[in-house]
Amino acid sequence: QCWRVEDYVVVQECARCSSFQTKSMMECRPTGFVEKVTCATSKKDDFKRCRSAVMEAHIFWRFVGTMMCVAALFAVLVVCRQRVLDRKALEKVRKQLESI
């Protein structure tokens, strides 16, 4: 992996690995995306794992959507709990007024 120790030029931008590449190349396994680079000093072609901007955006929006759903769920739970507590408080006040 010459790109770790020397400067390199990106020959092919970040692209999804094919099924063959995923099985045969270690670089494809972590992210599923690779870019082809040429090292400046050794002139050797190599593959470097990368992260796709489209994939990152998809993961980000999935996370945002999940968090919005969780927030909405907890907001509903808070409203329900507040109604229960309000009913209990009103019941307590009613009992105190009846005992007078």
Protein backbone atom coordinates (compact mmCIF):
# COMPACT_ATOMS: atom_id res chain seq x y z
CA GLN A 1 0.00 0.00 0.00
CA CYS A 2 2.24 2.70 -1.34
CA TRP A 3 -0.35 5.44 -0.79
CA ARG A 4 0.31 5.23 2.98
CA VAL A 5 3.96 6.30 2.68
CA GLU A 6 4.10 8.48 -0.43
CA ASP A 7 2.05 11.02 -2.35
CA TYR A 8 -0.52 9.68 -4.77
CA VAL A 9 -2.86 10.77 -7.56
CA VAL A 10 -6.45 9.54 -7.74
CA VAL A 11 -6.93 7.80 -11.10
CA GLN A 12 -10.51 6.60 -10.56
CA GLU A 13 -12.89 8.30 -8.15
CA CYS A 14 -14.60 6.49 -5.30
CA ALA A 15 -16.92 3.82 -6.74
CA ARG A 16 -18.90 0.86 -5.43
CA CYS A 17 -17.08 -2.47 -5.53
CA SER A 18 -18.44 -5.21 -7.76
CA SER A 19 -19.40 -8.52 -6.16
CA PHE A 20 -16.15 -10.05 -7.43
CA GLN A 21 -14.08 -7.19 -5.99
CA THR A 22 -15.87 -7.47 -2.65
CA LYS A 23 -14.90 -11.14 -2.41
CA SER A 24 -11.36 -10.80 -3.73
CA MET A 25 -10.10 -7.41 -2.45
CA MET A 26 -9.55 -6.63 1.22
CA GLU A 27 -9.98 -2.90 0.51
CA CYS A 28 -13.63 -3.41 -0.48
CA ARG A 29 -14.76 -5.12 2.70
CA PRO A 30 -14.94 -2.27 5.26
CA THR A 31 -16.92 0.26 3.20
CA GLY A 32 -17.82 -1.43 -0.09
CA PHE A 33 -16.18 1.42 -2.02
CA VAL A 34 -12.67 1.83 -3.50
CA GLU A 35 -10.74 4.36 -5.52
CA LYS A 36 -7.81 3.61 -7.79
CA VAL A 37 -4.66 5.60 -7.05
CA THR A 38 -1.21 5.90 -8.62
CA CYS A 39 1.67 6.52 -6.26
CA ALA A 40 3.91 9.40 -7.31
CA THR A 41 7.35 7.98 -6.50
CA SER A 42 6.95 4.27 -7.33
CA LYS A 43 4.41 4.80 -10.16
CA LYS A 44 2.51 1.81 -8.80
CA ASP A 45 -1.27 1.48 -9.22
CA ASP A 46 -3.11 0.53 -6.06
CA PHE A 47 -6.61 0.53 -4.61
CA LYS A 48 -7.57 2.53 -1.56
CA ARG A 49 -10.80 2.16 0.39
CA CYS A 50 -12.99 5.24 0.53
CA ARG A 51 -16.37 6.43 1.69
CA SER A 52 -18.99 7.44 -0.83
CA ALA A 53 -20.63 10.83 -0.32
CA VAL A 54 -23.96 9.39 -1.48
CA MET A 55 -23.69 6.54 1.02
CA GLU A 56 -22.74 8.94 3.83
CA ALA A 57 -25.71 11.20 2.99
CA HIS A 58 -28.06 8.20 2.97
CA ILE A 59 -26.78 7.04 6.37
CA PHE A 60 -27.06 10.58 7.75
CA TRP A 61 -30.68 11.03 6.62
CA ARG A 62 -31.61 7.60 7.93
CA PHE A 63 -30.14 8.62 11.29
CA VAL A 64 -32.03 11.95 11.25
CA GLY A 65 -35.29 10.18 10.39
CA THR A 66 -34.78 7.65 13.18
CA MET A 67 -34.05 10.40 15.69
CA MET A 68 -37.16 12.33 14.61
CA CYS A 69 -39.31 9.22 15.11
CA VAL A 70 -37.78 8.59 18.53
CA ALA A 71 -38.32 12.24 19.49
CA ALA A 72 -41.96 12.11 18.36
CA LEU A 73 -42.51 8.89 20.33
CA PHE A 74 -41.10 10.39 23.50
CA ALA A 75 -43.09 13.60 22.99
CA VAL A 76 -46.28 11.51 22.86
CA LEU A 77 -45.20 9.64 26.00
CA VAL A 78 -44.55 12.93 27.82
CA VAL A 79 -47.99 14.27 26.87
CA CYS A 80 -49.67 11.04 28.03
CA ARG A 81 -47.75 11.03 31.30
CA GLN A 82 -48.62 14.68 31.90
CA ARG A 83 -52.31 13.94 31.39
CA VAL A 84 -52.13 11.05 33.89
CA LEU A 85 -50.40 13.27 36.46
CA ASP A 86 -52.92 16.07 35.89
CA ARG A 87 -55.80 13.63 36.45
CA LYS A 88 -54.20 12.37 39.66
CA ALA A 89 -53.67 15.92 40.90
CA LEU A 90 -57.28 16.87 40.12
CA GLU A 91 -58.52 13.72 41.86
CA LYS A 92 -56.44 14.57 44.92
CA VAL A 93 -57.80 18.13 45.02
CA ARG A 94 -61.38 16.82 44.58
CA LYS A 95 -60.94 14.42 47.51
CA GLN A 96 -59.51 17.20 49.68
CA LEU A 97 -62.46 19.45 48.83
CA GLU A 98 -64.96 16.66 49.61
CA SER A 99 -63.39 16.04 52.99
CA ILE A 100 -63.90 19.68 54.07
